[in-house]
């Protein structure tokens, strides 16, 4: 139940939005894709992404048009907040 609460919690969802003032994404969305990925991993999981994670994240960020990048970054950040590493370590 705790994992489901975290997935749907309005606090978590608001923190994963690029439009939320002073959010992690609002402050860092202008970074290049590689740098944004490292920033998200370090801020959420306190470690750098593995090569497989970096590759998957790059594919996610580049999926769709340029206007879709913010939405893709939000989805990526939400996934990091709900990653098993985060749930059990933090």
PDB file of N, CA and C in Angstrom:
ATOM      1  N   UNK A   1       0.812  -1.213   0.000  1.00  0.00           N
ATOM      2  CA  UNK A   1       0.000   0.000   0.000  1.00  0.00           C
ATOM      3  C   UNK A   1       0.853   1.273   0.000  1.00  0.00           C
ATOM      4  N   UNK A   2       1.988   1.238   0.681  1.00  0.00           N
ATOM      5  CA  UNK A   2       2.831   2.426   0.745  1.00  0.00           C
ATOM      6  C   UNK A   2       3.367   2.791  -0.640  1.00  0.00           C
ATOM      7  N   UNK A   3       3.771   1.805  -1.423  1.00  0.00           N
ATOM      8  CA  UNK A   3       4.276   2.069  -2.778  1.00  0.00           C
ATOM      9  C   UNK A   3       3.180   2.657  -3.654  1.00  0.00           C
ATOM     10  N   UNK A   4       1.958   2.155  -3.533  1.00  0.00           N
ATOM     11  CA  UNK A   4       0.838   2.701  -4.313  1.00  0.00           C
ATOM     12  C   UNK A   4       0.520   4.126  -3.886  1.00  0.00           C
ATOM     13  N   UNK A   5       0.593   4.400  -2.597  1.00  0.00           N
ATOM     14  CA  UNK A   5       0.370   5.769  -2.118  1.00  0.00           C
ATOM     15  C   UNK A   5       1.403   6.723  -2.701  1.00  0.00           C
ATOM     16  N   UNK A   6       2.654   6.290  -2.735  1.00  0.00           N
ATOM     17  CA  UNK A   6       3.716   7.135  -3.271  1.00  0.00           C
ATOM     18  C   UNK A   6       3.503   7.400  -4.761  1.00  0.00           C
ATOM     19  N   UNK A   7       3.079   6.386  -5.509  1.00  0.00           N
ATOM     20  CA  UNK A   7       2.863   6.540  -6.950  1.00  0.00           C
ATOM     21  C   UNK A   7       1.789   7.573  -7.270  1.00  0.00           C
ATOM     22  N   UNK A   8       0.774   7.656  -6.438  1.00  0.00           N
ATOM     23  CA  UNK A   8      -0.373   8.510  -6.719  1.00  0.00           C
ATOM     24  C   UNK A   8      -0.479   9.725  -5.814  1.00  0.00           C
ATOM     25  N   UNK A   9       0.502   9.944  -4.973  1.00  0.00           N
ATOM     26  CA  UNK A   9       0.460  11.040  -4.016  1.00  0.00           C
ATOM     27  C   UNK A   9       0.556  12.390  -4.731  1.00  0.00           C
ATOM     28  N   UNK A  10      -0.302  13.322  -4.377  1.00  0.00           N
ATOM     29  CA  UNK A  10      -0.296  14.634  -5.031  1.00  0.00           C
ATOM     30  C   UNK A  10       0.996  15.395  -4.746  1.00  0.00           C
ATOM     31  N   UNK A  11       1.601  15.191  -3.592  1.00  0.00           N
ATOM     32  CA  UNK A  11       2.870  15.843  -3.274  1.00  0.00           C
ATOM     33  C   UNK A  11       3.962  15.379  -4.246  1.00  0.00           C
ATOM     34  N   UNK A  12       4.057  14.080  -4.458  1.00  0.00           N
ATOM     35  CA  UNK A  12       5.060  13.525  -5.373  1.00  0.00           C
ATOM     36  C   UNK A  12       4.768  13.980  -6.800  1.00  0.00           C
ATOM     37  N   UNK A  13       3.519  13.916  -7.195  1.00  0.00           N
ATOM     38  CA  UNK A  13       3.156  14.332  -8.550  1.00  0.00           C
ATOM     39  C   UNK A  13       3.480  15.804  -8.790  1.00  0.00           C
ATOM     40  N   UNK A  14       3.251  16.652  -7.797  1.00  0.00           N
ATOM     41  CA  UNK A  14       3.549  18.071  -7.972  1.00  0.00           C
ATOM     42  C   UNK A  14       5.054  18.310  -8.056  1.00  0.00           C
ATOM     43  N   UNK A  15       5.848  17.521  -7.352  1.00  0.00           N
ATOM     44  CA  UNK A  15       7.305  17.680  -7.398  1.00  0.00           C
ATOM     45  C   UNK A  15       7.888  17.197  -8.726  1.00  0.00           C
ATOM     46  N   UNK A  16       7.159  16.353  -9.434  1.00  0.00           N
ATOM     47  CA  UNK A  16       7.641  15.834 -10.713  1.00  0.00           C
ATOM     48  C   UNK A  16       7.207  16.704 -11.889  1.00  0.00           C
ATOM     49  N   UNK A  17       6.496  17.785 -11.643  1.00  0.00           N
ATOM     50  CA  UNK A  17       6.016  18.667 -12.711  1.00  0.00           C
ATOM     51  C   UNK A  17       7.059  19.735 -13.037  1.00  0.00           C
ATOM     52  N   UNK A  18       7.260  19.954 -14.331  1.00  0.00           N
ATOM     53  CA  UNK A  18       8.211  20.983 -14.778  1.00  0.00           C
ATOM     54  C   UNK A  18       7.651  22.378 -14.545  1.00  0.00           C
ATOM     55  N   UNK A  19       6.333  22.515 -14.515  1.00  0.00           N
ATOM     56  CA  UNK A  19       5.708  23.827 -14.366  1.00  0.00           C
ATOM     57  C   UNK A  19       5.654  24.295 -12.915  1.00  0.00           C
ATOM     58  N   UNK A  20       5.916  23.406 -11.961  1.00  0.00           N
ATOM     59  CA  UNK A  20       5.895  23.787 -10.554  1.00  0.00           C
ATOM     60  C   UNK A  20       7.080  24.701 -10.271  1.00  0.00           C
ATOM     61  N   UNK A  21       6.788  25.853  -9.704  1.00  0.00           N
ATOM     62  CA  UNK A  21       7.844  26.843  -9.429  1.00  0.00           C
ATOM     63  C   UNK A  21       8.938  26.246  -8.564  1.00  0.00           C
ATOM     64  N   UNK A  22      10.163  26.467  -8.964  1.00  0.00           N
ATOM     65  CA  UNK A  22      11.352  26.059  -8.225  1.00  0.00           C
ATOM     66  C   UNK A  22      11.473  24.548  -8.035  1.00  0.00           C
ATOM     67  N   UNK A  23      10.809  23.763  -8.876  1.00  0.00           N
ATOM     68  CA  UNK A  23      10.956  22.313  -8.790  1.00  0.00           C
ATOM     69  C   UNK A  23      12.289  21.904  -9.408  1.00  0.00           C
ATOM     70  N   UNK A  24      12.697  20.692  -9.167  1.00  0.00           N
ATOM     71  CA  UNK A  24      13.939  20.168  -9.709  1.00  0.00           C
ATOM     72  C   UNK A  24      13.962  20.303 -11.232  1.00  0.00           C
ATOM     73  N   UNK A  25      12.859  19.969 -11.882  1.00  0.00           N
ATOM     74  CA  UNK A  25      12.801  20.086 -13.339  1.00  0.00           C
ATOM     75  C   UNK A  25      12.771  21.531 -13.804  1.00  0.00           C
ATOM     76  N   UNK A  26      12.045  22.373 -13.106  1.00  0.00           N
ATOM     77  CA  UNK A  26      11.972  23.788 -13.500  1.00  0.00           C
ATOM     78  C   UNK A  26      13.362  24.421 -13.475  1.00  0.00           C
ATOM     79  N   UNK A  27      14.177  24.030 -12.518  1.00  0.00           N
ATOM     80  CA  UNK A  27      15.524  24.590 -12.392  1.00  0.00           C
ATOM     81  C   UNK A  27      16.510  24.003 -13.393  1.00  0.00           C
ATOM     82  N   UNK A  28      16.262  22.785 -13.877  1.00  0.00           N
ATOM     83  CA  UNK A  28      17.275  22.084 -14.657  1.00  0.00           C
ATOM     84  C   UNK A  28      16.862  21.670 -16.064  1.00  0.00           C
ATOM     85  N   UNK A  29      15.664  21.980 -16.488  1.00  0.00           N
ATOM     86  CA  UNK A  29      15.165  21.510 -17.778  1.00  0.00           C
ATOM     87  C   UNK A  29      15.943  22.071 -18.960  1.00  0.00           C
ATOM     88  N   UNK A  30      16.617  23.178 -18.787  1.00  0.00           N
ATOM     89  CA  UNK A  30      17.377  23.779 -19.887  1.00  0.00           C
ATOM     90  C   UNK A  30      18.721  23.074 -20.120  1.00  0.00           C
ATOM     91  N   UNK A  31      19.102  22.164 -19.245  1.00  0.00           N
ATOM     92  CA  UNK A  31      20.360  21.436 -19.406  1.00  0.00           C
ATOM     93  C   UNK A  31      20.275  20.494 -20.607  1.00  0.00           C
ATOM     94  N   UNK A  32      21.426  20.172 -21.208  1.00  0.00           N
ATOM     95  CA  UNK A  32      21.444  19.145 -22.260  1.00  0.00           C
ATOM     96  C   UNK A  32      20.980  17.804 -21.691  1.00  0.00           C
ATOM     97  N   UNK A  33      20.503  16.925 -22.553  1.00  0.00           N
ATOM     98  CA  UNK A  33      19.935  15.644 -22.115  1.00  0.00           C
ATOM     99  C   UNK A  33      20.855  14.856 -21.189  1.00  0.00           C
ATOM    100  N   UNK A  34      22.121  14.685 -21.579  1.00  0.00           N
ATOM    101  CA  UNK A  34      23.058  13.906 -20.749  1.00  0.00           C
ATOM    102  C   UNK A  34      23.215  14.496 -19.357  1.00  0.00           C
ATOM    103  N   UNK A  35      23.349  15.796 -19.293  1.00  0.00           N
ATOM    104  CA  UNK A  35      23.537  16.469 -18.006  1.00  0.00           C
ATOM    105  C   UNK A  35      22.260  16.419 -17.171  1.00  0.00           C
ATOM    106  N   UNK A  36      21.098  16.557 -17.799  1.00  0.00           N
ATOM    107  CA  UNK A  36      19.826  16.477 -17.078  1.00  0.00           C
ATOM    108  C   UNK A  36      19.646  15.102 -16.454  1.00  0.00           C
ATOM    109  N   UNK A  37      19.989  14.075 -17.186  1.00  0.00           N
ATOM    110  CA  UNK A  37      19.860  12.709 -16.669  1.00  0.00           C
ATOM    111  C   UNK A  37      20.730  12.516 -15.438  1.00  0.00           C
ATOM    112  N   UNK A  38      21.972  12.940 -15.499  1.00  0.00           N
ATOM    113  CA  UNK A  38      22.876  12.811 -14.342  1.00  0.00           C
ATOM    114  C   UNK A  38      22.343  13.621 -13.161  1.00  0.00           C
ATOM    115  N   UNK A  39      21.851  14.830 -13.434  1.00  0.00           N
ATOM    116  CA  UNK A  39      21.302  15.682 -12.368  1.00  0.00           C
ATOM    117  C   UNK A  39      20.120  15.004 -11.684  1.00  0.00           C
ATOM    118  N   UNK A  40      19.213  14.432 -12.465  1.00  0.00           N
ATOM    119  CA  UNK A  40      18.050  13.759 -11.877  1.00  0.00           C
ATOM    120  C   UNK A  40      18.476  12.566 -11.034  1.00  0.00           C
ATOM    121  N   UNK A  41      19.392  11.751 -11.546  1.00  0.00           N
ATOM    122  CA  UNK A  41      19.841  10.578 -10.789  1.00  0.00           C
ATOM    123  C   UNK A  41      20.529  10.987  -9.491  1.00  0.00           C
ATOM    124  N   UNK A  42      21.397  11.976  -9.567  1.00  0.00           N
ATOM    125  CA  UNK A  42      22.103  12.401  -8.356  1.00  0.00           C
ATOM    126  C   UNK A  42      21.149  12.998  -7.326  1.00  0.00           C
ATOM    127  N   UNK A  43      20.156  13.750  -7.768  1.00  0.00           N
ATOM    128  CA  UNK A  43      19.223  14.371  -6.830  1.00  0.00           C
ATOM    129  C   UNK A  43      18.227  13.384  -6.235  1.00  0.00           C
ATOM    130  N   UNK A  44      17.818  12.393  -6.991  1.00  0.00           N
ATOM    131  CA  UNK A  44      16.801  11.459  -6.498  1.00  0.00           C
ATOM    132  C   UNK A  44      17.433  10.220  -5.867  1.00  0.00           C
ATOM    133  N   UNK A  45      18.415   9.623  -6.527  1.00  0.00           N
ATOM    134  CA  UNK A  45      18.975   8.358  -6.047  1.00  0.00           C
ATOM    135  C   UNK A  45      20.372   8.493  -5.438  1.00  0.00           C
ATOM    136  N   UNK A  46      20.945   9.694  -5.490  1.00  0.00           N
ATOM    137  CA  UNK A  46      22.277   9.956  -4.926  1.00  0.00           C
ATOM    138  C   UNK A  46      23.359   9.087  -5.552  1.00  0.00           C
ATOM    139  N   UNK A  47      23.206   8.801  -6.823  1.00  0.00           N
ATOM    140  CA  UNK A  47      24.216   8.048  -7.567  1.00  0.00           C
ATOM    141  C   UNK A  47      24.074   8.381  -9.044  1.00  0.00           C
ATOM    142  N   UNK A  48      25.103   8.066  -9.809  1.00  0.00           N
ATOM    143  CA  UNK A  48      25.055   8.277 -11.253  1.00  0.00           C
ATOM    144  C   UNK A  48      24.305   7.112 -11.907  1.00  0.00           C
ATOM    145  N   UNK A  49      23.684   7.357 -13.054  1.00  0.00           N
ATOM    146  CA  UNK A  49      22.983   6.258 -13.736  1.00  0.00           C
ATOM    147  C   UNK A  49      23.976   5.269 -14.334  1.00  0.00           C
ATOM    148  N   UNK A  50      23.561   4.003 -14.389  1.00  0.00           N
ATOM    149  CA  UNK A  50      24.366   3.010 -15.093  1.00  0.00           C
ATOM    150  C   UNK A  50      24.262   3.311 -16.585  1.00  0.00           C
ATOM    151  N   UNK A  51      25.084   2.670 -17.366  1.00  0.00           N
ATOM    152  CA  UNK A  51      25.048   2.891 -18.814  1.00  0.00           C
ATOM    153  C   UNK A  51      23.691   2.487 -19.387  1.00  0.00           C
ATOM    154  N   UNK A  52      23.129   1.394 -18.907  1.00  0.00           N
ATOM    155  CA  UNK A  52      21.811   0.951 -19.386  1.00  0.00           C
ATOM    156  C   UNK A  52      20.724   1.960 -18.999  1.00  0.00           C
ATOM    157  N   UNK A  53      20.784   2.474 -17.785  1.00  0.00           N
ATOM    158  CA  UNK A  53      19.812   3.478 -17.345  1.00  0.00           C
ATOM    159  C   UNK A  53      19.952   4.766 -18.140  1.00  0.00           C
ATOM    160  N   UNK A  54      21.184   5.189 -18.368  1.00  0.00           N
ATOM    161  CA  UNK A  54      21.430   6.412 -19.132  1.00  0.00           C
ATOM    162  C   UNK A  54      20.907   6.279 -20.555  1.00  0.00           C
ATOM    163  N   UNK A  55      21.153   5.141 -21.155  1.00  0.00           N
ATOM    164  CA  UNK A  55      20.684   4.893 -22.522  1.00  0.00           C
ATOM    165  C   UNK A  55      19.161   4.900 -22.598  1.00  0.00           C
ATOM    166  N   UNK A  56      18.502   4.239 -21.661  1.00  0.00           N
ATOM    167  CA  UNK A  56      17.035   4.212 -21.635  1.00  0.00           C
ATOM    168  C   UNK A  56      16.461   5.600 -21.374  1.00  0.00           C
ATOM    169  N   UNK A  57      17.099   6.353 -20.486  1.00  0.00           N
ATOM    170  CA  UNK A  57      16.632   7.704 -20.172  1.00  0.00           C
ATOM    171  C   UNK A  57      16.797   8.634 -21.369  1.00  0.00           C
ATOM    172  N   UNK A  58      17.919   8.516 -22.078  1.00  0.00           N
ATOM    173  CA  UNK A  58      18.131   9.320 -23.281  1.00  0.00           C
ATOM    174  C   UNK A  58      17.055   9.028 -24.328  1.00  0.00           C
ATOM    175  N   UNK A  59      16.759   7.762 -24.496  1.00  0.00           N
ATOM    176  CA  UNK A  59      15.716   7.374 -25.455  1.00  0.00           C
ATOM    177  C   UNK A  59      14.371   7.960 -25.035  1.00  0.00           C
ATOM    178  N   UNK A  60      14.072   7.935 -23.748  1.00  0.00           N
ATOM    179  CA  UNK A  60      12.813   8.490 -23.237  1.00  0.00           C
ATOM    180  C   UNK A  60      12.750   9.998 -23.468  1.00  0.00           C
ATOM    181  N   UNK A  61      13.820  10.714 -23.164  1.00  0.00           N
ATOM    182  CA  UNK A  61      13.826  12.168 -23.319  1.00  0.00           C
ATOM    183  C   UNK A  61      13.706  12.589 -24.779  1.00  0.00           C
ATOM    184  N   UNK A  62      14.307  11.832 -25.663  1.00  0.00           N
ATOM    185  CA  UNK A  62      14.317  12.188 -27.084  1.00  0.00           C
ATOM    186  C   UNK A  62      13.113  11.662 -27.837  1.00  0.00           C
ATOM    187  N   UNK A  63      12.238  10.950 -27.173  1.00  0.00           N
ATOM    188  CA  UNK A  63      11.040  10.401 -27.805  1.00  0.00           C
ATOM    189  C   UNK A  63      10.037  11.521 -28.056  1.00  0.00           C
ATOM    190  N   UNK A  64       9.680  11.752 -29.305  1.00  0.00           N
ATOM    191  CA  UNK A  64       8.710  12.796 -29.631  1.00  0.00           C
ATOM    192  C   UNK A  64       9.381  14.090 -30.031  1.00  0.00           C
ATOM    193  N   UNK A  65       8.578  15.121 -30.153  1.00  0.00           N
ATOM    194  CA  UNK A  65       9.081  16.427 -30.594  1.00  0.00           C
ATOM    195  C   UNK A  65       9.737  17.176 -29.442  1.00  0.00           C
ATOM    196  N   UNK A  66      10.342  18.315 -29.761  1.00  0.00           N
ATOM    197  CA  UNK A  66      11.007  19.132 -28.752  1.00  0.00           C
ATOM    198  C   UNK A  66      10.061  19.621 -27.674  1.00  0.00           C
ATOM    199  N   UNK A  67       8.813  19.917 -28.036  1.00  0.00           N
ATOM    200  CA  UNK A  67       7.828  20.380 -27.063  1.00  0.00           C
ATOM    201  C   UNK A  67       7.453  19.280 -26.077  1.00  0.00           C
ATOM    202  N   UNK A  68       7.675  18.048 -26.455  1.00  0.00           N
ATOM    203  CA  UNK A  68       7.336  16.899 -25.613  1.00  0.00           C
ATOM    204  C   UNK A  68       8.421  16.627 -24.566  1.00  0.00           C
ATOM    205  N   UNK A  69       9.576  17.269 -24.677  1.00  0.00           N
ATOM    206  CA  UNK A  69      10.710  16.990 -23.794  1.00  0.00           C
ATOM    207  C   UNK A  69      10.371  17.204 -22.322  1.00  0.00           C
ATOM    208  N   UNK A  70       9.662  18.272 -21.996  1.00  0.00           N
ATOM    209  CA  UNK A  70       9.311  18.552 -20.602  1.00  0.00           C
ATOM    210  C   UNK A  70       8.432  17.435 -20.045  1.00  0.00           C
ATOM    211  N   UNK A  71       7.475  16.982 -20.829  1.00  0.00           N
ATOM    212  CA  UNK A  71       6.584  15.899 -20.385  1.00  0.00           C
ATOM    213  C   UNK A  71       7.365  14.598 -20.209  1.00  0.00           C
ATOM    214  N   UNK A  72       8.278  14.333 -21.144  1.00  0.00           N
ATOM    215  CA  UNK A  72       9.118  13.135 -21.028  1.00  0.00           C
ATOM    216  C   UNK A  72      10.004  13.206 -19.786  1.00  0.00           C
ATOM    217  N   UNK A  73      10.538  14.384 -19.487  1.00  0.00           N
ATOM    218  CA  UNK A  73      11.362  14.563 -18.288  1.00  0.00           C
ATOM    219  C   UNK A  73      10.522  14.366 -17.022  1.00  0.00           C
ATOM    220  N   UNK A  74       9.293  14.841 -17.032  1.00  0.00           N
ATOM    221  CA  UNK A  74       8.396  14.626 -15.885  1.00  0.00           C
ATOM    222  C   UNK A  74       8.162  13.134 -15.659  1.00  0.00           C
ATOM    223  N   UNK A  75       7.911  12.409 -16.744  1.00  0.00           N
ATOM    224  CA  UNK A  75       7.700  10.964 -16.629  1.00  0.00           C
ATOM    225  C   UNK A  75       8.945  10.258 -16.097  1.00  0.00           C
ATOM    226  N   UNK A  76      10.097  10.692 -16.557  1.00  0.00           N
ATOM    227  CA  UNK A  76      11.352  10.112 -16.088  1.00  0.00           C
ATOM    228  C   UNK A  76      11.554  10.382 -14.600  1.00  0.00           C
ATOM    229  N   UNK A  77      11.311  11.593 -14.170  1.00  0.00           N
ATOM    230  CA  UNK A  77      11.464  11.938 -12.751  1.00  0.00           C
ATOM    231  C   UNK A  77      10.475  11.159 -11.891  1.00  0.00           C
ATOM    232  N   UNK A  78       9.242  11.035 -12.349  1.00  0.00           N
ATOM    233  CA  UNK A  78       8.243  10.259 -11.606  1.00  0.00           C
ATOM    234  C   UNK A  78       8.705   8.809 -11.475  1.00  0.00           C
ATOM    235  N   UNK A  79       9.261   8.256 -12.555  1.00  0.00           N
ATOM    236  CA  UNK A  79       9.755   6.877 -12.510  1.00  0.00           C
ATOM    237  C   UNK A  79      10.897   6.735 -11.502  1.00  0.00           C
ATOM    238  N   UNK A  80      11.761   7.736 -11.425  1.00  0.00           N
ATOM    239  CA  UNK A  80      12.856   7.673 -10.448  1.00  0.00           C
ATOM    240  C   UNK A  80      12.331   7.713  -9.019  1.00  0.00           C
ATOM    241  N   UNK A  81      11.326   8.554  -8.769  1.00  0.00           N
ATOM    242  CA  UNK A  81      10.734   8.609  -7.431  1.00  0.00           C
ATOM    243  C   UNK A  81      10.076   7.286  -7.049  1.00  0.00           C
ATOM    244  N   UNK A  82       9.646   6.532  -8.036  1.00  0.00           N
ATOM    245  CA  UNK A  82       8.975   5.261  -7.774  1.00  0.00           C
ATOM    246  C   UNK A  82       9.873   4.051  -8.024  1.00  0.00           C
ATOM    247  N   UNK A  83      11.144   4.290  -8.259  1.00  0.00           N
ATOM    248  CA  UNK A  83      12.101   3.210  -8.466  1.00  0.00           C
ATOM    249  C   UNK A  83      12.341   2.513  -7.137  1.00  0.00           C
ATOM    250  N   UNK A  84      12.550   1.231  -7.192  1.00  0.00           N
ATOM    251  CA  UNK A  84      12.715   0.428  -5.984  1.00  0.00           C
ATOM    252  C   UNK A  84      13.872   0.953  -5.123  1.00  0.00           C
ATOM    253  N   UNK A  85      14.936   1.464  -5.746  1.00  0.00           N
ATOM    254  CA  UNK A  85      16.075   2.035  -4.990  1.00  0.00           C
ATOM    255  C   UNK A  85      15.595   3.145  -4.079  1.00  0.00           C
ATOM    256  N   UNK A  86      14.756   4.033  -4.607  1.00  0.00           N
ATOM    257  CA  UNK A  86      14.265   5.169  -3.845  1.00  0.00           C
ATOM    258  C   UNK A  86      13.302   4.728  -2.749  1.00  0.00           C
ATOM    259  N   UNK A  87      12.408   3.794  -3.085  1.00  0.00           N
ATOM    260  CA  UNK A  87      11.397   3.355  -2.121  1.00  0.00           C
ATOM    261  C   UNK A  87      12.010   2.727  -0.869  1.00  0.00           C
ATOM    262  N   UNK A  88      13.081   1.950  -1.047  1.00  0.00           N
ATOM    263  CA  UNK A  88      13.640   1.257   0.099  1.00  0.00           C
ATOM    264  C   UNK A  88      14.798   1.989   0.756  1.00  0.00           C
ATOM    265  N   UNK A  89      15.416   2.931   0.070  1.00  0.00           N
ATOM    266  CA  UNK A  89      16.551   3.646   0.665  1.00  0.00           C
ATOM    267  C   UNK A  89      16.152   4.961   1.295  1.00  0.00           C
ATOM    268  N   UNK A  90      15.024   5.535   0.853  1.00  0.00           N
ATOM    269  CA  UNK A  90      14.663   6.860   1.333  1.00  0.00           C
ATOM    270  C   UNK A  90      13.265   6.852   1.889  1.00  0.00           C
TER     271      UNK A  90
END
